[in-house]
Protein backbone atom coordinates (compact mmCIF):
# COMPACT_ATOMS: atom_id res chain seq x y z
CA MET A 1 8.93 -31.99 18.69
CA SER A 2 6.89 -29.60 20.81
CA TRP A 3 3.71 -27.88 19.62
CA ARG A 4 5.45 -24.53 19.98
CA ARG A 5 8.30 -25.65 17.72
CA LEU A 6 5.81 -26.90 15.12
CA ARG A 7 3.96 -23.57 15.20
CA VAL A 8 7.20 -21.63 14.73
CA LEU A 9 8.19 -23.82 11.79
CA ILE A 10 4.82 -23.35 10.11
CA GLU A 11 4.81 -19.59 10.68
CA HIS A 12 8.19 -19.26 8.98
CA LEU A 13 7.34 -21.26 5.88
CA PRO A 14 7.35 -19.27 2.62
CA PRO A 15 3.92 -17.89 1.66
CA GLU A 16 3.76 -20.03 -1.47
CA SER A 17 4.32 -23.27 0.47
CA ALA A 18 1.79 -26.09 0.29
CA THR A 19 0.96 -25.67 3.98
CA TRP A 20 0.07 -21.96 3.70
CA THR A 21 -1.84 -22.64 0.47
CA ALA A 22 -3.88 -25.34 2.21
CA LEU A 23 -4.57 -23.01 5.15
CA ARG A 24 -5.73 -20.24 2.80
CA ASN A 25 -7.88 -22.68 0.81
CA SER A 26 -9.58 -23.88 3.99
CA LEU A 27 -10.91 -20.39 4.84
CA SER A 28 -14.63 -19.78 4.39
CA ASP A 29 -15.93 -17.02 2.13
CA GLU A 30 -16.77 -14.86 5.16
CA GLU A 31 -13.25 -15.25 6.60
CA LEU A 32 -11.71 -14.40 3.22
CA ALA A 33 -13.90 -11.30 2.90
CA LYS A 34 -12.98 -10.20 6.44
CA GLN A 35 -9.27 -10.60 5.72
CA ALA A 36 -9.58 -8.79 2.39
CA GLU A 37 -11.22 -5.79 4.09
CA LYS A 38 -8.42 -5.39 6.60
CA GLY A 39 -5.67 -6.41 4.20
CA GLU A 40 -2.30 -4.94 5.05
CA PRO A 41 0.27 -6.26 2.57
CA GLU A 42 3.07 -4.44 4.36
CA LYS A 43 2.62 -6.81 7.32
CA ALA A 44 2.72 -9.99 5.24
CA ARG A 45 5.69 -12.06 4.15
CA TRP A 46 6.56 -12.01 0.47
CA SER A 47 8.85 -14.29 -1.45
CA GLN A 48 11.61 -12.91 -3.64
CA THR A 49 9.45 -13.63 -6.69
CA GLU A 50 6.63 -11.49 -5.33
CA GLN A 51 9.07 -8.68 -4.47
CA LEU A 52 10.46 -8.72 -8.02
CA LEU A 53 6.99 -8.84 -9.54
CA ALA A 54 5.95 -5.79 -7.51
CA LEU A 55 9.10 -3.98 -8.68
CA VAL A 56 8.31 -4.78 -12.32
CA ALA A 57 4.72 -3.58 -11.87
CA ASP A 58 5.99 -0.32 -10.35
CA ARG A 59 8.42 0.23 -13.22
CA VAL A 60 5.72 -0.40 -15.84
CA ALA A 61 3.45 2.08 -14.05
CA ASP A 62 6.33 4.61 -14.05
CA VAL A 63 6.82 4.20 -17.81
CA GLY A 64 3.08 4.72 -18.36
CA PHE A 65 3.19 7.85 -16.19
CA VAL A 66 6.15 9.27 -18.12
CA LEU A 67 4.44 8.59 -21.45
CA ARG A 68 1.24 10.31 -20.29
CA ALA A 69 3.19 13.24 -18.85
CA VAL A 70 5.23 13.75 -22.02
CA ASN A 71 2.20 13.54 -24.30
CA THR A 72 -0.03 15.83 -22.23
CA ASP A 73 -0.62 19.39 -23.41
CA LYS A 74 1.12 22.01 -21.29
CA LYS A 75 -2.16 23.78 -20.51
CA SER A 76 -3.98 20.68 -19.31
CA THR A 77 -3.62 19.15 -15.86
CA LYS A 78 -0.63 16.89 -15.42
CA PRO A 79 -1.23 13.24 -14.51
CA ARG A 80 -0.51 12.14 -10.95
CA PRO A 81 2.45 9.81 -10.49
CA PRO A 82 1.49 6.22 -9.69
CA GLU A 83 1.65 4.93 -6.14
CA PRO A 84 4.02 2.00 -5.68
CA ILE A 85 2.64 -1.35 -4.59
CA ARG A 86 2.74 -1.64 -0.81
CA ARG A 87 5.41 -4.07 0.33
CA PRO A 88 6.12 -5.91 3.57
CA GLY A 89 7.94 -3.73 6.07
CA ALA A 90 6.85 -0.48 4.41
CA LYS A 91 4.45 1.84 6.13
CA PRO A 92 1.29 2.86 4.25
CA PRO A 93 1.44 6.33 2.71
CA ARG A 94 0.41 9.14 5.01
CA LEU A 95 -2.70 10.99 3.97
CA LYS A 96 -2.42 14.73 3.52
CA GLN A 97 -4.19 16.57 6.28
CA GLN A 98 -7.19 18.53 5.09
CA ILE A 99 -7.66 22.04 6.43
CA ASN A 100 -11.09 22.88 7.82
CA GLU A 101 -12.92 26.21 7.58
CA ALA A 102 -11.85 27.49 11.02
CA GLN A 103 -8.21 26.68 10.35
CA ALA A 104 -8.41 28.38 6.95
CA ASN A 105 -9.84 31.55 8.50
CA THR A 106 -7.15 31.61 11.20
CA LEU A 107 -4.44 31.14 8.60
CA PHE A 108 -5.93 33.88 6.42
CA LYS A 109 -5.89 36.29 9.38
CA LEU A 110 -2.29 35.43 10.24
CA ILE A 111 -1.13 35.91 6.67
CA ASN A 112 -2.87 39.27 6.40
CA GLY A 113 -1.25 40.65 9.55
CA GLY A 114 -4.08 40.09 12.01
CA ALA A 115 -3.68 38.35 15.33
CA ALA A 116 -5.35 34.98 15.70
């Protein structure tokens, strides 16, 4: 067996395999902290169990959101819906672009009939 073939086999093992667990356990605290900072779960591989667990967590969060929304007074601010757990293959949510002061002034002039 070639080294390349061995590498390919290891890379395609399920994340809960003994090999991946041993590799994760061999990381130093600094390496773990570095990986946690740049964690991108959407680029990782998840087993079917992890996918189902994330789905259950999302559904429980949805039920909690509905209960809070139903029991909130109409005059008070409504709760924000929960964000789903990021999954492999899904892109992270796009952040809403914030408008700066110059853009706000230009928009105000355009709305009120003035030329920009």
